Amino acid sequence: MTKWCLTGGQTPDVTPAIGLVDGILAGAPGADKAWEADSVLENLEESQAKAVISWKSNRQQQREFDRHPYKNRSGVERFFCRVKQFRRLAARYEKPASRYSAFIALTASFIRLT
């Protein structure tokens, strides 16, 4: 299952994180270092999910995480690199968020990750 939301370019990645994580039934959702905030980690802990999020280098207290599932994030990273090859999405010709999200979903149906 994949969830996404569009935000402004000036919005930090962690801002919509709580809304995206709520209701996830996954045992170990993965995210990048931008989501490594105490509020997100506490929310995941309350839902009894194990966070697969690397720690930031400036964090005072390092925590453990499973590196093997964390490496699976590369599929998501490769997806976004492939999406950027579609000029219409990279230049964001579709201004309304609903239409842009529809084009991302359409593009995702054509992209095959190997």
PDB file of N, CA and C in Angstrom:
ATOM      1  N   MET A   1       0.837  -1.165   0.000  1.00  0.00           N
ATOM      2  CA  MET A   1       0.000   0.000   0.000  1.00  0.00           C
ATOM      3  C   MET A   1       0.889   1.236   0.000  1.00  0.00           C
ATOM      4  N   THR A   2       0.510   2.219  -0.764  1.00  0.00           N
ATOM      5  CA  THR A   2       1.258   3.462  -0.841  1.00  0.00           C
ATOM      6  C   THR A   2       0.326   4.628  -0.604  1.00  0.00           C
ATOM      7  N   LYS A   3       0.795   5.565   0.196  1.00  0.00           N
ATOM      8  CA  LYS A   3       0.048   6.801   0.429  1.00  0.00           C
ATOM      9  C   LYS A   3       0.974   7.961   0.129  1.00  0.00           C
ATOM     10  N   TRP A   4       0.425   9.010  -0.449  1.00  0.00           N
ATOM     11  CA  TRP A   4       1.209  10.211  -0.643  1.00  0.00           C
ATOM     12  C   TRP A   4       0.314  11.416  -0.527  1.00  0.00           C
ATOM     13  N   CYS A   5       0.935  12.539  -0.287  1.00  0.00           N
ATOM     14  CA  CYS A   5       0.216  13.805  -0.290  1.00  0.00           C
ATOM     15  C   CYS A   5       1.157  14.858  -0.850  1.00  0.00           C
ATOM     16  N   LEU A   6       0.591  15.805  -1.532  1.00  0.00           N
ATOM     17  CA  LEU A   6       1.383  16.877  -2.129  1.00  0.00           C
ATOM     18  C   LEU A   6       1.416  18.067  -1.184  1.00  0.00           C
ATOM     19  N   THR A   7       2.596  18.629  -1.028  1.00  0.00           N
ATOM     20  CA  THR A   7       2.763  19.813  -0.203  1.00  0.00           C
ATOM     21  C   THR A   7       3.551  20.840  -0.993  1.00  0.00           C
ATOM     22  N   GLY A   8       3.628  22.021  -0.484  1.00  0.00           N
ATOM     23  CA  GLY A   8       4.412  23.063  -1.121  1.00  0.00           C
ATOM     24  C   GLY A   8       5.895  22.745  -1.046  1.00  0.00           C
ATOM     25  N   GLY A   9       6.663  23.325  -1.934  1.00  0.00           N
ATOM     26  CA  GLY A   9       8.094  23.072  -1.965  1.00  0.00           C
ATOM     27  C   GLY A   9       8.814  23.543  -0.718  1.00  0.00           C
ATOM     28  N   GLN A  10       8.249  24.508  -0.015  1.00  0.00           N
ATOM     29  CA  GLN A  10       8.871  25.047   1.191  1.00  0.00           C
ATOM     30  C   GLN A  10       8.477  24.270   2.442  1.00  0.00           C
ATOM     31  N   THR A  11       7.576  23.304   2.327  1.00  0.00           N
ATOM     32  CA  THR A  11       7.095  22.534   3.470  1.00  0.00           C
ATOM     33  C   THR A  11       8.064  21.403   3.797  1.00  0.00           C
ATOM     34  N   PRO A  12       8.484  21.282   5.063  1.00  0.00           N
ATOM     35  CA  PRO A  12       9.367  20.171   5.431  1.00  0.00           C
ATOM     36  C   PRO A  12       8.666  18.823   5.253  1.00  0.00           C
ATOM     37  N   ASP A  13       9.449  17.790   4.987  1.00  0.00           N
ATOM     38  CA  ASP A  13       8.895  16.451   4.767  1.00  0.00           C
ATOM     39  C   ASP A  13       8.176  15.901   5.985  1.00  0.00           C
ATOM     40  N   VAL A  14       8.608  16.277   7.169  1.00  0.00           N
ATOM     41  CA  VAL A  14       8.039  15.703   8.377  1.00  0.00           C
ATOM     42  C   VAL A  14       6.653  16.273   8.699  1.00  0.00           C
ATOM     43  N   THR A  15       6.284  17.393   8.134  1.00  0.00           N
ATOM     44  CA  THR A  15       5.006  18.034   8.453  1.00  0.00           C
ATOM     45  C   THR A  15       3.805  17.133   8.164  1.00  0.00           C
ATOM     46  N   PRO A  16       3.671  16.526   6.978  1.00  0.00           N
ATOM     47  CA  PRO A  16       2.510  15.653   6.744  1.00  0.00           C
ATOM     48  C   PRO A  16       2.705  14.223   7.232  1.00  0.00           C
ATOM     49  N   ALA A  17       3.826  13.936   7.895  1.00  0.00           N
ATOM     50  CA  ALA A  17       4.160  12.563   8.255  1.00  0.00           C
ATOM     51  C   ALA A  17       3.128  11.910   9.163  1.00  0.00           C
ATOM     52  N   ILE A  18       2.673  12.604  10.190  1.00  0.00           N
ATOM     53  CA  ILE A  18       1.720  12.005  11.131  1.00  0.00           C
ATOM     54  C   ILE A  18       0.435  11.614  10.410  1.00  0.00           C
ATOM     55  N   GLY A  19      -0.052  12.466   9.528  1.00  0.00           N
ATOM     56  CA  GLY A  19      -1.271  12.159   8.781  1.00  0.00           C
ATOM     57  C   GLY A  19      -1.113  10.966   7.861  1.00  0.00           C
ATOM     58  N   LEU A  20       0.067  10.794   7.294  1.00  0.00           N
ATOM     59  CA  LEU A  20       0.301   9.664   6.402  1.00  0.00           C
ATOM     60  C   LEU A  20       0.479   8.358   7.171  1.00  0.00           C
ATOM     61  N   VAL A  21       1.052   8.441   8.349  1.00  0.00           N
ATOM     62  CA  VAL A  21       1.323   7.238   9.137  1.00  0.00           C
ATOM     63  C   VAL A  21       0.066   6.731   9.835  1.00  0.00           C
ATOM     64  N   ASP A  22      -0.866   7.619  10.162  1.00  0.00           N
ATOM     65  CA  ASP A  22      -2.090   7.206  10.852  1.00  0.00           C
ATOM     66  C   ASP A  22      -2.862   6.194  10.014  1.00  0.00           C
ATOM     67  N   GLY A  23      -3.251   5.136  10.635  1.00  0.00           N
ATOM     68  CA  GLY A  23      -4.069   4.132   9.967  1.00  0.00           C
ATOM     69  C   GLY A  23      -3.274   3.100   9.193  1.00  0.00           C
ATOM     70  N   ILE A  24      -1.963   3.190   9.194  1.00  0.00           N
ATOM     71  CA  ILE A  24      -1.152   2.192   8.492  1.00  0.00           C
ATOM     72  C   ILE A  24      -1.112   0.927   9.335  1.00  0.00           C
ATOM     73  N   LEU A  25      -1.393  -0.174   8.708  1.00  0.00           N
ATOM     74  CA  LEU A  25      -1.413  -1.447   9.411  1.00  0.00           C
ATOM     75  C   LEU A  25      -0.119  -2.220   9.225  1.00  0.00           C
ATOM     76  N   ALA A  26       0.844  -1.627   8.531  1.00  0.00           N
ATOM     77  CA  ALA A  26       2.106  -2.312   8.265  1.00  0.00           C
ATOM     78  C   ALA A  26       2.871  -2.530   9.559  1.00  0.00           C
ATOM     79  N   GLY A  27       3.609  -3.597   9.609  1.00  0.00           N
ATOM     80  CA  GLY A  27       4.390  -3.892  10.787  1.00  0.00           C
ATOM     81  C   GLY A  27       5.651  -3.061  10.891  1.00  0.00           C
ATOM     82  N   ALA A  28       6.197  -2.638   9.750  1.00  0.00           N
ATOM     83  CA  ALA A  28       7.446  -1.885   9.761  1.00  0.00           C
ATOM     84  C   ALA A  28       7.480  -0.908   8.592  1.00  0.00           C
ATOM     85  N   PRO A  29       6.803   0.239   8.708  1.00  0.00           N
ATOM     86  CA  PRO A  29       6.856   1.215   7.614  1.00  0.00           C
ATOM     87  C   PRO A  29       8.236   1.864   7.539  1.00  0.00           C
ATOM     88  N   GLY A  30       8.707   2.071   6.318  1.00  0.00           N
ATOM     89  CA  GLY A  30      10.026   2.652   6.118  1.00  0.00           C
ATOM     90  C   GLY A  30       9.929   4.077   5.624  1.00  0.00           C
ATOM     91  N   ALA A  31      10.900   4.875   5.999  1.00  0.00           N
ATOM     92  CA  ALA A  31      10.946   6.272   5.572  1.00  0.00           C
ATOM     93  C   ALA A  31      12.397   6.736   5.619  1.00  0.00           C
ATOM     94  N   ASP A  32      12.647   7.903   5.066  1.00  0.00           N
ATOM     95  CA  ASP A  32      14.008   8.413   5.094  1.00  0.00           C
ATOM     96  C   ASP A  32      14.246   9.239   6.353  1.00  0.00           C
ATOM     97  N   LYS A  33      15.448   9.788   6.461  1.00  0.00           N
ATOM     98  CA  LYS A  33      15.856  10.486   7.684  1.00  0.00           C
ATOM     99  C   LYS A  33      15.014  11.713   7.993  1.00  0.00           C
ATOM    100  N   ALA A  34      14.368  12.285   6.997  1.00  0.00           N
ATOM    101  CA  ALA A  34      13.561  13.482   7.227  1.00  0.00           C
ATOM    102  C   ALA A  34      12.382  13.193   8.151  1.00  0.00           C
ATOM    103  N   TRP A  35      11.949  11.947   8.237  1.00  0.00           N
ATOM    104  CA  TRP A  35      10.810  11.576   9.073  1.00  0.00           C
ATOM    105  C   TRP A  35      11.235  11.156  10.474  1.00  0.00           C
ATOM    106  N   GLU A  36      12.501  11.275  10.794  1.00  0.00           N
ATOM    107  CA  GLU A  36      13.012  10.812  12.068  1.00  0.00           C
ATOM    108  C   GLU A  36      12.809  11.890  13.128  1.00  0.00           C
ATOM    109  N   ALA A  37      11.551  12.153  13.425  1.00  0.00           N
ATOM    110  CA  ALA A  37      11.193  13.107  14.469  1.00  0.00           C
ATOM    111  C   ALA A  37      10.546  12.336  15.612  1.00  0.00           C
ATOM    112  N   ASP A  38      10.693  12.852  16.811  1.00  0.00           N
ATOM    113  CA  ASP A  38      10.143  12.154  17.979  1.00  0.00           C
ATOM    114  C   ASP A  38       8.637  11.953  17.861  1.00  0.00           C
ATOM    115  N   SER A  39       7.923  12.930  17.305  1.00  0.00           N
ATOM    116  CA  SER A  39       6.466  12.805  17.192  1.00  0.00           C
ATOM    117  C   SER A  39       6.077  11.656  16.260  1.00  0.00           C
ATOM    118  N   VAL A  40       6.792  11.503  15.163  1.00  0.00           N
ATOM    119  CA  VAL A  40       6.495  10.409  14.222  1.00  0.00           C
ATOM    120  C   VAL A  40       6.838   9.073  14.852  1.00  0.00           C
ATOM    121  N   LEU A  41       7.990   8.997  15.506  1.00  0.00           N
ATOM    122  CA  LEU A  41       8.401   7.743  16.143  1.00  0.00           C
ATOM    123  C   LEU A  41       7.439   7.338  17.258  1.00  0.00           C
ATOM    124  N   GLU A  42       6.952   8.308  18.038  1.00  0.00           N
ATOM    125  CA  GLU A  42       5.985   8.007  19.095  1.00  0.00           C
ATOM    126  C   GLU A  42       4.663   7.517  18.509  1.00  0.00           C
ATOM    127  N   ASN A  43       4.235   8.131  17.402  1.00  0.00           N
ATOM    128  CA  ASN A  43       2.995   7.717  16.758  1.00  0.00           C
ATOM    129  C   ASN A  43       3.111   6.284  16.250  1.00  0.00           C
ATOM    130  N   LEU A  44       4.249   5.938  15.664  1.00  0.00           N
ATOM    131  CA  LEU A  44       4.456   4.568  15.191  1.00  0.00           C
ATOM    132  C   LEU A  44       4.502   3.588  16.362  1.00  0.00           C
ATOM    133  N   GLU A  45       5.105   4.005  17.446  1.00  0.00           N
ATOM    134  CA  GLU A  45       5.185   3.139  18.617  1.00  0.00           C
ATOM    135  C   GLU A  45       3.803   2.882  19.207  1.00  0.00           C
ATOM    136  N   GLU A  46       2.939   3.899  19.206  1.00  0.00           N
ATOM    137  CA  GLU A  46       1.573   3.732  19.713  1.00  0.00           C
ATOM    138  C   GLU A  46       0.767   2.764  18.854  1.00  0.00           C
ATOM    139  N   SER A  47       1.040   2.753  17.553  1.00  0.00           N
ATOM    140  CA  SER A  47       0.317   1.826  16.676  1.00  0.00           C
ATOM    141  C   SER A  47       1.012   0.469  16.587  1.00  0.00           C
ATOM    142  N   GLN A  48       2.001   0.256  17.443  1.00  0.00           N
ATOM    143  CA  GLN A  48       2.737  -1.006  17.537  1.00  0.00           C
ATOM    144  C   GLN A  48       3.422  -1.380  16.229  1.00  0.00           C
ATOM    145  N   ALA A  49       3.886  -0.380  15.504  1.00  0.00           N
ATOM    146  CA  ALA A  49       4.664  -0.614  14.293  1.00  0.00           C
ATOM    147  C   ALA A  49       6.125  -0.342  14.604  1.00  0.00           C
ATOM    148  N   LYS A  50       6.996  -1.076  13.963  1.00  0.00           N
ATOM    149  CA  LYS A  50       8.429  -0.904  14.174  1.00  0.00           C
ATOM    150  C   LYS A  50       8.958   0.035  13.086  1.00  0.00           C
ATOM    151  N   ALA A  51       9.452   1.174  13.482  1.00  0.00           N
ATOM    152  CA  ALA A  51       9.930   2.179  12.529  1.00  0.00           C
ATOM    153  C   ALA A  51      11.228   1.725  11.877  1.00  0.00           C
ATOM    154  N   VAL A  52      11.247   1.735  10.553  1.00  0.00           N
ATOM    155  CA  VAL A  52      12.449   1.436   9.791  1.00  0.00           C
ATOM    156  C   VAL A  52      12.930   2.761   9.206  1.00  0.00           C
ATOM    157  N   ILE A  53      13.462   3.594  10.096  1.00  0.00           N
ATOM    158  CA  ILE A  53      13.903   4.931   9.729  1.00  0.00           C
ATOM    159  C   ILE A  53      15.312   5.124  10.280  1.00  0.00           C
ATOM    160  N   SER A  54      16.227   5.486   9.416  1.00  0.00           N
ATOM    161  CA  SER A  54      17.591   5.728   9.845  1.00  0.00           C
ATOM    162  C   SER A  54      17.645   6.969  10.733  1.00  0.00           C
ATOM    163  N   TRP A  55      18.655   7.071  11.554  1.00  0.00           N
ATOM    164  CA  TRP A  55      18.768   8.224  12.427  1.00  0.00           C
ATOM    165  C   TRP A  55      19.589   9.322  11.759  1.00  0.00           C
ATOM    166  N   LYS A  56      19.327  10.545  12.189  1.00  0.00           N
ATOM    167  CA  LYS A  56      20.115  11.679  11.719  1.00  0.00           C
ATOM    168  C   LYS A  56      21.450  11.684  12.451  1.00  0.00           C
ATOM    169  N   SER A  57      22.470  12.179  11.787  1.00  0.00           N
ATOM    170  CA  SER A  57      23.802  12.142  12.380  1.00  0.00           C
ATOM    171  C   SER A  57      23.926  13.072  13.582  1.00  0.00           C
ATOM    172  N   ASN A  58      23.074  14.091  13.669  1.00  0.00           N
ATOM    173  CA  ASN A  58      23.179  15.026  14.785  1.00  0.00           C
ATOM    174  C   ASN A  58      22.269  14.660  15.957  1.00  0.00           C
ATOM    175  N   ARG A  59      21.649  13.506  15.918  1.00  0.00           N
ATOM    176  CA  ARG A  59      20.770  13.069  17.012  1.00  0.00           C
ATOM    177  C   ARG A  59      21.623  12.675  18.205  1.00  0.00           C
ATOM    178  N   GLN A  60      21.255  13.154  19.387  1.00  0.00           N
ATOM    179  CA  GLN A  60      22.030  12.902  20.599  1.00  0.00           C
ATOM    180  C   GLN A  60      22.013  11.426  20.989  1.00  0.00           C
ATOM    181  N   GLN A  61      20.828  10.829  20.936  1.00  0.00           N
ATOM    182  CA  GLN A  61      20.697   9.435  21.350  1.00  0.00           C
ATOM    183  C   GLN A  61      20.341   8.597  20.126  1.00  0.00           C
ATOM    184  N   GLN A  62      21.287   7.792  19.668  1.00  0.00           N
ATOM    185  CA  GLN A  62      21.055   6.941  18.508  1.00  0.00           C
ATOM    186  C   GLN A  62      20.163   5.774  18.914  1.00  0.00           C
ATOM    187  N   ARG A  63      19.344   5.307  17.992  1.00  0.00           N
ATOM    188  CA  ARG A  63      18.467   4.172  18.267  1.00  0.00           C
ATOM    189  C   ARG A  63      18.728   3.101  17.218  1.00  0.00           C
ATOM    190  N   GLU A  64      18.308   1.908  17.516  1.00  0.00           N
ATOM    191  CA  GLU A  64      18.516   0.779  16.609  1.00  0.00           C
ATOM    192  C   GLU A  64      17.416   0.734  15.554  1.00  0.00           C
ATOM    193  N   PHE A  65      17.769   0.270  14.357  1.00  0.00           N
ATOM    194  CA  PHE A  65      16.780   0.003  13.320  1.00  0.00           C
ATOM    195  C   PHE A  65      17.332  -1.117  12.446  1.00  0.00           C
ATOM    196  N   ASP A  66      16.435  -1.821  11.798  1.00  0.00           N
ATOM    197  CA  ASP A  66      16.813  -2.961  10.965  1.00  0.00           C
ATOM    198  C   ASP A  66      17.260  -2.464   9.593  1.00  0.00           C
ATOM    199  N   ARG A  67      18.514  -2.657   9.258  1.00  0.00           N
ATOM    200  CA  ARG A  67      19.063  -2.129   8.001  1.00  0.00           C
ATOM    201  C   ARG A  67      18.564  -2.867   6.771  1.00  0.00           C
ATOM    202  N   HIS A  68      18.231  -4.141   6.915  1.00  0.00           N
ATOM    203  CA  HIS A  68      17.796  -4.905   5.745  1.00  0.00           C
ATOM    204  C   HIS A  68      16.508  -4.343   5.124  1.00  0.00           C
ATOM    205  N   PRO A  69      15.420  -4.149   5.884  1.00  0.00           N
ATOM    206  CA  PRO A  69      14.228  -3.544   5.272  1.00  0.00           C
ATOM    207  C   PRO A  69      14.463  -2.095   4.837  1.00  0.00           C
ATOM    208  N   TYR A  70      15.393  -1.404   5.513  1.00  0.00           N
ATOM    209  CA  TYR A  70      15.674  -0.011   5.146  1.00  0.00           C
ATOM    210  C   TYR A  70      16.229   0.073   3.727  1.00  0.00           C
ATOM    211  N   LYS A  71      16.965  -0.942   3.320  1.00  0.00           N
ATOM    212  CA  LYS A  71      17.530  -0.960   1.966  1.00  0.00           C
ATOM    213  C   LYS A  71      16.440  -1.097   0.900  1.00  0.00           C
ATOM    214  N   ASN A  72      15.274  -1.609   1.263  1.00  0.00           N
ATOM    215  CA  ASN A  72      14.174  -1.747   0.306  1.00  0.00           C
ATOM    216  C   ASN A  72      13.606  -0.399  -0.123  1.00  0.00           C
ATOM    217  N   ARG A  73      13.955   0.669   0.567  1.00  0.00           N
ATOM    218  CA  ARG A  73      13.529   2.008   0.161  1.00  0.00           C
ATOM    219  C   ARG A  73      14.052   2.374  -1.215  1.00  0.00           C
ATOM    220  N   SER A  74      15.088   1.695  -1.671  1.00  0.00           N
ATOM    221  CA  SER A  74      15.674   2.045  -2.968  1.00  0.00           C
ATOM    222  C   SER A  74      14.650   1.919  -4.093  1.00  0.00           C
ATOM    223  N   GLY A  75      13.685   1.032  -3.954  1.00  0.00           N
ATOM    224  CA  GLY A  75      12.632   0.918  -4.970  1.00  0.00           C
ATOM    225  C   GLY A  75      11.817   2.201  -5.082  1.00  0.00           C
ATOM    226  N   VAL A  76      11.530   2.806  -3.959  1.00  0.00           N
ATOM    227  CA  VAL A  76      10.789   4.068  -3.955  1.00  0.00           C
ATOM    228  C   VAL A  76      11.652   5.180  -4.553  1.00  0.00           C
ATOM    229  N   GLU A  77      12.925   5.206  -4.175  1.00  0.00           N
ATOM    230  CA  GLU A  77      13.835   6.224  -4.705  1.00  0.00           C
ATOM    231  C   GLU A  77      13.980   6.079  -6.223  1.00  0.00           C
ATOM    232  N   ARG A  78      14.087   4.847  -6.706  1.00  0.00           N
ATOM    233  CA  ARG A  78      14.198   4.617  -8.158  1.00  0.00           C
ATOM    234  C   ARG A  78      12.917   5.027  -8.866  1.00  0.00           C
ATOM    235  N   PHE A  79      11.762   4.803  -8.209  1.00  0.00           N
ATOM    236  CA  PHE A  79      10.494   5.214  -8.809  1.00  0.00           C
ATOM    237  C   PHE A  79      10.480   6.716  -9.059  1.00  0.00           C
ATOM    238  N   PHE A  80      10.882   7.498  -8.064  1.00  0.00           N
ATOM    239  CA  PHE A  80      10.853   8.941  -8.240  1.00  0.00           C
ATOM    240  C   PHE A  80      11.883   9.416  -9.265  1.00  0.00           C
ATOM    241  N   CYS A  81      12.996   8.728  -9.371  1.00  0.00           N
ATOM    242  CA  CYS A  81      13.958   9.070 -10.429  1.00  0.00           C
ATOM    243  C   CYS A  81      13.350   8.796 -11.800  1.00  0.00           C
ATOM    244  N   ARG A  82      12.603   7.706 -11.929  1.00  0.00           N
ATOM    245  CA  ARG A  82      11.961   7.397 -13.210  1.00  0.00           C
ATOM    246  C   ARG A  82      10.835   8.368 -13.511  1.00  0.00           C
ATOM    247  N   VAL A  83      10.100   8.808 -12.500  1.00  0.00           N
ATOM    248  CA  VAL A  83       9.006   9.755 -12.693  1.00  0.00           C
ATOM    249  C   VAL A  83       9.544  11.076 -13.227  1.00  0.00           C
ATOM    250  N   LYS A  84      10.713  11.465 -12.784  1.00  0.00           N
ATOM    251  CA  LYS A  84      11.297  12.723 -13.225  1.00  0.00           C
ATOM    252  C   LYS A  84      11.650  12.715 -14.708  1.00  0.00           C
ATOM    253  N   GLN A  85      11.692  11.541 -15.322  1.00  0.00           N
ATOM    254  CA  GLN A  85      11.962  11.458 -16.756  1.00  0.00           C
ATOM    255  C   GLN A  85      10.747  11.887 -17.576  1.00  0.00           C
ATOM    256  N   PHE A  86       9.578  11.898 -16.974  1.00  0.00           N
ATOM    257  CA  PHE A  86       8.374  12.345 -17.658  1.00  0.00           C
ATOM    258  C   PHE A  86       8.279  13.856 -17.511  1.00  0.00           C
ATOM    259  N   ARG A  87       8.467  14.554 -18.589  1.00  0.00           N
ATOM    260  CA  ARG A  87       8.574  16.011 -18.555  1.00  0.00           C
ATOM    261  C   ARG A  87       7.345  16.665 -17.940  1.00  0.00           C
ATOM    262  N   ARG A  88       6.193  16.125 -18.245  1.00  0.00           N
ATOM    263  CA  ARG A  88       4.951  16.727 -17.748  1.00  0.00           C
ATOM    264  C   ARG A  88       4.908  16.725 -16.224  1.00  0.00           C
ATOM    265  N   LEU A  89       5.444  15.675 -15.610  1.00  0.00           N
ATOM    266  CA  LEU A  89       5.467  15.603 -14.155  1.00  0.00           C
ATOM    267  C   LEU A  89       6.629  16.394 -13.571  1.00  0.00           C
ATOM    268  N   ALA A  90       7.787  16.334 -14.220  1.00  0.00           N
ATOM    269  CA  ALA A  90       8.955  17.034 -13.694  1.00  0.00           C
ATOM    270  C   ALA A  90       8.749  18.544 -13.697  1.00  0.00           C
ATOM    271  N   ALA A  91       8.102  19.068 -14.736  1.00  0.00           N
ATOM    272  CA  ALA A  91       7.866  20.507 -14.831  1.00  0.00           C
ATOM    273  C   ALA A  91       6.593  20.926 -14.117  1.00  0.00           C
ATOM    274  N   ARG A  92       5.810  19.956 -13.688  1.00  0.00           N
ATOM    275  CA  ARG A  92       4.531  20.169 -13.004  1.00  0.00           C
ATOM    276  C   ARG A  92       3.615  21.099 -13.794  1.00  0.00           C
ATOM    277  N   TYR A  93       3.316  20.660 -15.014  1.00  0.00           N
ATOM    278  CA  TYR A  93       2.378  21.417 -15.844  1.00  0.00           C
ATOM    279  C   TYR A  93       0.976  21.377 -15.262  1.00  0.00           C
ATOM    280  N   GLU A  94       0.648  20.304 -14.543  1.00  0.00           N
ATOM    281  CA  GLU A  94      -0.667  20.175 -13.917  1.00  0.00           C
ATOM    282  C   GLU A  94      -0.618  20.886 -12.574  1.00  0.00           C
ATOM    283  N   LYS A  95      -1.264  22.012 -12.452  1.00  0.00           N
ATOM    284  CA  LYS A  95      -1.190  22.793 -11.218  1.00  0.00           C
ATOM    285  C   LYS A  95      -2.105  22.288 -10.103  1.00  0.00           C
ATOM    286  N   PRO A  96      -3.350  21.895 -10.378  1.00  0.00           N
ATOM    287  CA  PRO A  96      -4.178  21.390  -9.271  1.00  0.00           C
ATOM    288  C   PRO A  96      -3.604  20.083  -8.707  1.00  0.00           C
ATOM    289  N   ALA A  97      -3.573  19.979  -7.388  1.00  0.00           N
ATOM    290  CA  ALA A  97      -2.982  18.807  -6.746  1.00  0.00           C
ATOM    291  C   ALA A  97      -3.698  17.519  -7.139  1.00  0.00           C
ATOM    292  N   SER A  98      -5.010  17.569  -7.306  1.00  0.00           N
ATOM    293  CA  SER A  98      -5.750  16.353  -7.648  1.00  0.00           C
ATOM    294  C   SER A  98      -5.360  15.844  -9.036  1.00  0.00           C
ATOM    295  N   ARG A  99      -5.164  16.737  -9.957  1.00  0.00           N
ATOM    296  CA  ARG A  99      -4.784  16.340 -11.314  1.00  0.00           C
ATOM    297  C   ARG A  99      -3.341  15.840 -11.351  1.00  0.00           C
ATOM    298  N   TYR A 100      -2.464  16.509 -10.607  1.00  0.00           N
ATOM    299  CA  TYR A 100      -1.063  16.081 -10.549  1.00  0.00           C
ATOM    300  C   TYR A 100      -0.954  14.691  -9.918  1.00  0.00           C
ATOM    301  N   SER A 101      -1.714  14.446  -8.847  1.00  0.00           N
ATOM    302  CA  SER A 101      -1.727  13.126  -8.216  1.00  0.00           C
ATOM    303  C   SER A 101      -2.234  12.061  -9.175  1.00  0.00           C
ATOM    304  N   ALA A 102      -3.221  12.413  -9.982  1.00  0.00           N
ATOM    305  CA  ALA A 102      -3.747  11.464 -10.967  1.00  0.00           C
ATOM    306  C   ALA A 102      -2.673  11.104 -11.996  1.00  0.00           C
ATOM    307  N   PHE A 103      -1.881  12.084 -12.419  1.00  0.00           N
ATOM    308  CA  PHE A 103      -0.815  11.805 -13.376  1.00  0.00           C
ATOM    309  C   PHE A 103       0.295  10.976 -12.754  1.00  0.00           C
ATOM    310  N   ILE A 104       0.567  11.180 -11.462  1.00  0.00           N
ATOM    311  CA  ILE A 104       1.559  10.337 -10.792  1.00  0.00           C
ATOM    312  C   ILE A 104       1.067   8.888 -10.757  1.00  0.00           C
ATOM    313  N   ALA A 105      -0.203   8.694 -10.429  1.00  0.00           N
ATOM    314  CA  ALA A 105      -0.766   7.342 -10.404  1.00  0.00           C
ATOM    315  C   ALA A 105      -0.749   6.709 -11.791  1.00  0.00           C
ATOM    316  N   LEU A 106      -1.061   7.490 -12.807  1.00  0.00           N
ATOM    317  CA  LEU A 106      -1.026   6.981 -14.169  1.00  0.00           C
ATOM    318  C   LEU A 106       0.393   6.589 -14.576  1.00  0.00           C
ATOM    319  N   THR A 107       1.341   7.436 -14.247  1.00  0.00           N
ATOM    320  CA  THR A 107       2.740   7.148 -14.556  1.00  0.00           C
ATOM    321  C   THR A 107       3.207   5.916 -13.809  1.00  0.00           C
ATOM    322  N   ALA A 108       2.795   5.775 -12.563  1.00  0.00           N
ATOM    323  CA  ALA A 108       3.191   4.602 -11.778  1.00  0.00           C
ATOM    324  C   ALA A 108       2.675   3.310 -12.401  1.00  0.00           C
ATOM    325  N   SER A 109       1.543   3.378 -13.072  1.00  0.00           N
ATOM    326  CA  SER A 109       1.023   2.162 -13.687  1.00  0.00           C
ATOM    327  C   SER A 109       1.834   1.749 -14.919  1.00  0.00           C
ATOM    328  N   PHE A 110       2.584   2.677 -15.494  1.00  0.00           N
ATOM    329  CA  PHE A 110       3.393   2.375 -16.679  1.00  0.00           C
ATOM    330  C   PHE A 110       4.834   2.013 -16.329  1.00  0.00           C
ATOM    331  N   ILE A 111       5.306   2.464 -15.191  1.00  0.00           N
ATOM    332  CA  ILE A 111       6.693   2.235 -14.808  1.00  0.00           C
ATOM    333  C   ILE A 111       6.845   0.835 -14.227  1.00  0.00           C
ATOM    334  N   ARG A 112       7.849   0.152 -14.692  1.00  0.00           N
ATOM    335  CA  ARG A 112       8.177  -1.162 -14.154  1.00  0.00           C
ATOM    336  C   ARG A 112       9.545  -1.063 -13.517  1.00  0.00           C
ATOM    337  N   LEU A 113       9.605  -1.294 -12.237  1.00  0.00           N
ATOM    338  CA  LEU A 113      10.877  -1.253 -11.531  1.00  0.00           C
ATOM    339  C   LEU A 113      11.507  -2.622 -11.549  1.00  0.00           C
ATOM    340  N   THR A 114      12.773  -2.648 -11.879  1.00  0.00           N
ATOM    341  CA  THR A 114      13.488  -3.932 -11.875  1.00  0.00           C
ATOM    342  C   THR A 114      14.646  -3.893 -10.935  1.00  0.00           C
TER     343      THR A 114
END
